[in-house]
Amino acid sequence: MPDFAHELRLLARVAGLVAGVDEAGRGPLAGPVVAAAVIFEKKRIPRGLDDSKKLTPAARQKLFDKIMRRAVAVGIGEASVDEIDLVNIRQATHMAMARAVRALSPAPVFALVDGNDPPPLPCPCETLVKGDGKSLSIAAASIVAKVTRDRIMLALHEQHPAYHWDWNKGYPTEDHLHALAVHGCTPHHRRSFAPVHNILYGGNPVDSIGSPS
């Protein structure tokens, strides 16, 4: 289970606030990539925080509401499908993370980032592999990013119900790939991703089928 040890270690040597940063939506074929940044005071951290992938949708929603009430600050940033196709998913994820950190008020002096690929943030940062299972701030950011992106995909599902984004959230599930083959691409599909690119420009969808998370 995540704890606050990494934040306390940093707070002992920096003068200011420490944020946790995570993203949701690197792997889907459709929709934006969303990042979140969260700053906590130790005494106001909600109980039950964990890696968003380990939580039910109902639990994520309840924790999202608690995070928004109790956090010192929450920042959300996203990168659009057009940006993903323009610069690639890695750089677009970094853009979303930077936007999330810039949205924080008050601003942090340091950030803990999930993964092993440090983004160019407006403050120094440290990466933490599987950080959403180690750091409470990153776990909270993973929940905020996931809930925010899921809401976006639910809204897009109302416009394009054939793709079943209400449950697959844009990931390359079998039903999503079938809908792509039958109905073609929407403006919300990532044209730089192989299954979408192959349908647009020839070839077959990739064999590997992802699963929503």
Protein backbone atom coordinates (compact mmCIF):
# COMPACT_ATOMS: atom_id res chain seq x y z
CA MET A 1 0.00 0.00 0.00
CA PRO A 2 1.24 3.53 -0.68
CA ASP A 3 2.38 5.76 2.17
CA PHE A 4 3.68 9.29 2.69
CA ALA A 5 7.34 8.35 3.29
CA HIS A 6 8.65 9.62 -0.05
CA GLU A 7 6.92 12.96 0.42
CA LEU A 8 8.28 13.31 3.97
CA ARG A 9 11.79 12.51 2.77
CA LEU A 10 11.60 15.32 0.24
CA LEU A 11 9.86 17.74 2.61
CA ALA A 12 12.77 17.32 5.02
CA ARG A 13 15.15 18.83 2.47
CA VAL A 14 13.07 21.25 0.38
CA ALA A 15 11.34 24.41 1.50
CA GLY A 16 7.86 24.23 0.06
CA LEU A 17 5.23 21.82 -1.22
CA VAL A 18 5.68 18.43 -2.89
CA ALA A 19 3.23 17.17 -5.52
CA GLY A 20 2.51 13.68 -6.81
CA VAL A 21 1.98 13.34 -10.57
CA ASP A 22 0.48 10.54 -12.69
CA GLU A 23 -1.36 10.03 -15.97
CA ALA A 24 -4.16 7.99 -17.50
CA GLY A 25 -4.64 7.04 -21.11
CA ARG A 26 -1.28 6.30 -22.73
CA GLY A 27 -2.49 3.07 -24.33
CA PRO A 28 -5.95 3.75 -25.80
CA LEU A 29 -6.65 4.23 -29.48
CA ALA A 30 -9.01 7.14 -28.82
CA GLY A 31 -9.34 10.14 -26.55
CA PRO A 32 -6.83 12.42 -24.84
CA VAL A 33 -4.11 11.52 -22.38
CA VAL A 34 -4.89 13.07 -18.98
CA ALA A 35 -2.51 13.86 -16.14
CA ALA A 36 -3.12 15.00 -12.59
CA ALA A 37 -0.98 16.51 -9.84
CA VAL A 38 -1.95 16.44 -6.17
CA ILE A 39 -0.49 18.12 -3.08
CA PHE A 40 -1.41 16.88 0.40
CA GLU A 41 -0.87 17.91 3.98
CA LYS A 42 -0.08 14.80 6.02
CA LYS A 43 -3.01 15.26 8.40
CA ARG A 44 -5.63 15.61 5.64
CA ILE A 45 -4.91 12.58 3.46
CA PRO A 46 -8.01 10.43 2.77
CA ARG A 47 -7.88 6.79 3.80
CA GLY A 48 -8.01 4.04 1.19
CA LEU A 49 -5.84 5.63 -1.50
CA ASP A 50 -4.17 3.16 -3.83
CA ASP A 51 -3.14 2.64 -7.44
CA SER A 52 -6.28 3.52 -9.41
CA LYS A 53 -6.08 0.25 -11.37
CA LYS A 54 -6.61 -1.70 -8.13
CA LEU A 55 -9.82 0.15 -7.25
CA THR A 56 -13.37 -0.31 -8.46
CA PRO A 57 -15.00 2.55 -10.37
CA ALA A 58 -17.23 3.27 -7.37
CA ALA A 59 -14.26 3.38 -5.00
CA ARG A 60 -12.34 5.66 -7.38
CA GLN A 61 -15.29 8.05 -7.53
CA LYS A 62 -15.62 8.25 -3.74
CA LEU A 63 -11.88 8.83 -3.34
CA PHE A 64 -11.89 11.40 -6.15
CA ASP A 65 -14.45 13.45 -4.21
CA LYS A 66 -12.43 13.15 -0.99
CA ILE A 67 -9.20 14.15 -2.75
CA MET A 68 -10.84 17.22 -4.25
CA ARG A 69 -12.09 18.28 -0.80
CA ARG A 70 -8.97 17.55 1.27
CA ALA A 71 -5.98 18.21 -0.96
CA VAL A 72 -4.01 21.43 -0.65
CA ALA A 73 -4.22 21.64 -4.45
CA VAL A 74 -5.21 19.51 -7.43
CA GLY A 75 -4.12 20.22 -10.99
CA ILE A 76 -5.39 18.50 -14.13
CA GLY A 77 -3.86 18.69 -17.59
CA GLU A 78 -4.48 16.89 -20.85
CA ALA A 79 -3.01 16.53 -24.31
CA SER A 80 -5.41 16.18 -27.21
CA VAL A 81 -5.54 13.51 -29.89
CA ASP A 82 -4.10 16.02 -32.37
CA GLU A 83 -1.18 16.71 -30.03
CA ILE A 84 -0.58 12.98 -29.53
CA ASP A 85 -0.46 12.46 -33.29
CA LEU A 86 1.79 15.48 -33.76
CA VAL A 87 4.49 14.81 -31.18
CA ASN A 88 3.94 11.11 -30.12
CA ILE A 89 2.35 9.72 -26.97
CA ARG A 90 5.45 10.04 -24.78
CA GLN A 91 5.89 13.74 -25.42
CA ALA A 92 2.14 14.35 -25.22
CA THR A 93 2.07 12.64 -21.81
CA HIS A 94 4.88 14.92 -20.65
CA MET A 95 2.92 17.93 -21.92
CA ALA A 96 -0.15 16.84 -19.95
CA MET A 97 1.92 16.34 -16.80
CA ALA A 98 3.49 19.78 -17.12
CA ARG A 99 0.06 21.34 -17.60
CA ALA A 100 -1.23 19.55 -14.51
CA VAL A 101 1.64 20.87 -12.39
CA ARG A 102 1.21 24.39 -13.77
CA ALA A 103 -2.46 24.22 -12.80
CA LEU A 104 -1.56 23.77 -9.10
CA SER A 105 -2.12 26.73 -6.81
CA PRO A 106 -0.13 27.04 -4.63
CA ALA A 107 2.72 25.78 -6.80
CA PRO A 108 4.98 22.94 -5.64
CA VAL A 109 8.75 23.22 -5.35
CA PHE A 110 9.23 19.53 -6.15
CA ALA A 111 7.26 16.68 -7.76
CA LEU A 112 7.17 12.91 -7.47
CA VAL A 113 6.30 11.39 -10.85
CA ASP A 114 5.11 7.87 -11.53
CA GLY A 115 7.38 5.85 -13.82
CA ASN A 116 11.01 6.16 -14.88
CA ASP A 117 10.81 8.89 -17.53
CA PRO A 118 11.16 12.37 -16.00
CA PRO A 119 9.05 14.98 -17.80
CA PRO A 120 10.13 18.62 -18.20
CA LEU A 121 8.07 20.13 -15.38
CA PRO A 122 8.09 23.71 -14.07
CA CYS A 123 9.78 22.37 -10.91
CA PRO A 124 12.43 19.71 -10.19
CA CYS A 125 11.12 16.17 -10.06
CA GLU A 126 11.99 12.62 -9.10
CA THR A 127 10.56 9.53 -10.80
CA LEU A 128 9.27 6.56 -8.85
CA VAL A 129 8.68 3.26 -10.66
CA LYS A 130 5.21 1.93 -9.75
CA GLY A 131 4.84 5.09 -7.72
CA ASP A 132 1.05 4.85 -7.66
CA GLY A 133 1.49 1.89 -5.33
CA LYS A 134 4.18 3.56 -3.20
CA SER A 135 3.34 7.24 -2.80
CA LEU A 136 0.00 8.54 -1.53
CA SER A 137 0.31 11.72 -3.58
CA ILE A 138 0.94 9.77 -6.78
CA ALA A 139 -1.87 7.34 -5.94
CA ALA A 140 -4.23 10.29 -5.55
CA ALA A 141 -3.03 11.72 -8.87
CA SER A 142 -3.66 8.37 -10.56
CA ILE A 143 -7.24 8.37 -9.26
CA VAL A 144 -7.93 11.96 -10.33
CA ALA A 145 -6.45 11.36 -13.79
CA LYS A 146 -8.37 8.10 -14.28
CA VAL A 147 -11.74 9.44 -13.12
CA THR A 148 -11.32 12.61 -15.21
CA ARG A 149 -10.43 10.67 -18.35
CA ASP A 150 -13.21 8.13 -17.84
CA ARG A 151 -15.72 10.99 -17.69
CA ILE A 152 -14.36 12.37 -20.96
CA MET A 153 -14.72 8.97 -22.64
CA LEU A 154 -18.26 8.54 -21.31
CA ALA A 155 -19.20 11.87 -22.86
CA LEU A 156 -17.58 10.86 -26.16
CA HIS A 157 -19.46 7.55 -26.03
CA GLU A 158 -22.74 9.49 -26.17
CA GLN A 159 -21.58 10.91 -29.52
CA HIS A 160 -20.16 7.63 -30.88
CA PRO A 161 -21.90 4.69 -29.13
CA ALA A 162 -20.78 2.09 -31.70
CA TYR A 163 -17.26 2.04 -30.24
CA HIS A 164 -18.34 1.11 -26.68
CA TRP A 165 -16.18 3.74 -25.03
CA ASP A 166 -18.49 3.59 -22.03
CA TRP A 167 -16.69 0.45 -20.92
CA ASN A 168 -13.46 0.08 -22.96
CA LYS A 169 -12.55 3.78 -22.55
CA GLY A 170 -10.85 3.77 -25.95
CA TYR A 171 -8.53 0.82 -25.35
CA PRO A 172 -7.99 -1.66 -28.22
CA THR A 173 -10.49 -4.28 -27.10
CA GLU A 174 -11.98 -6.73 -29.59
CA ASP A 175 -15.26 -4.85 -29.84
CA HIS A 176 -13.46 -1.53 -30.34
CA LEU A 177 -11.31 -2.96 -33.14
CA HIS A 178 -14.40 -4.50 -34.76
CA ALA A 179 -16.20 -1.14 -34.65
CA LEU A 180 -13.18 0.51 -36.24
CA ALA A 181 -13.20 -2.04 -39.06
CA VAL A 182 -16.95 -1.60 -39.65
CA HIS A 183 -17.47 2.13 -39.02
CA GLY A 184 -14.02 3.59 -39.61
CA CYS A 185 -12.35 6.28 -37.52
CA THR A 186 -13.79 9.23 -35.63
CA PRO A 187 -12.06 12.58 -35.03
CA HIS A 188 -11.26 11.25 -31.55
CA HIS A 189 -9.10 8.35 -32.77
CA ARG A 190 -5.31 8.54 -32.60
CA ARG A 191 -4.20 8.25 -36.20
CA SER A 192 -0.57 7.62 -35.25
CA PHE A 193 -1.49 4.39 -33.42
CA ALA A 194 -1.05 1.24 -35.51
CA PRO A 195 -4.63 -0.17 -35.56
CA VAL A 196 -6.09 3.20 -36.56
CA HIS A 197 -3.27 3.98 -39.01
CA ASN A 198 -3.68 0.58 -40.68
CA ILE A 199 -7.41 1.05 -41.17
CA LEU A 200 -6.88 4.51 -42.65
CA TYR A 201 -3.93 3.69 -44.87
CA GLY A 202 -4.14 -0.08 -45.45
CA GLY A 203 -3.17 -3.21 -43.54
CA ASN A 204 -4.86 -5.06 -40.75
CA PRO A 205 -5.28 -4.06 -37.10
CA VAL A 206 -2.51 -5.30 -34.82
CA ASP A 207 -3.02 -8.75 -33.35
CA SER A 208 -2.55 -7.77 -29.74
CA ILE A 209 -5.78 -6.84 -28.01
CA GLY A 210 -5.52 -4.52 -25.04
CA SER A 211 -7.79 -4.35 -22.06
CA PRO A 212 -9.29 -1.34 -20.32
CA SER A 213 -7.65 -0.15 -17.11
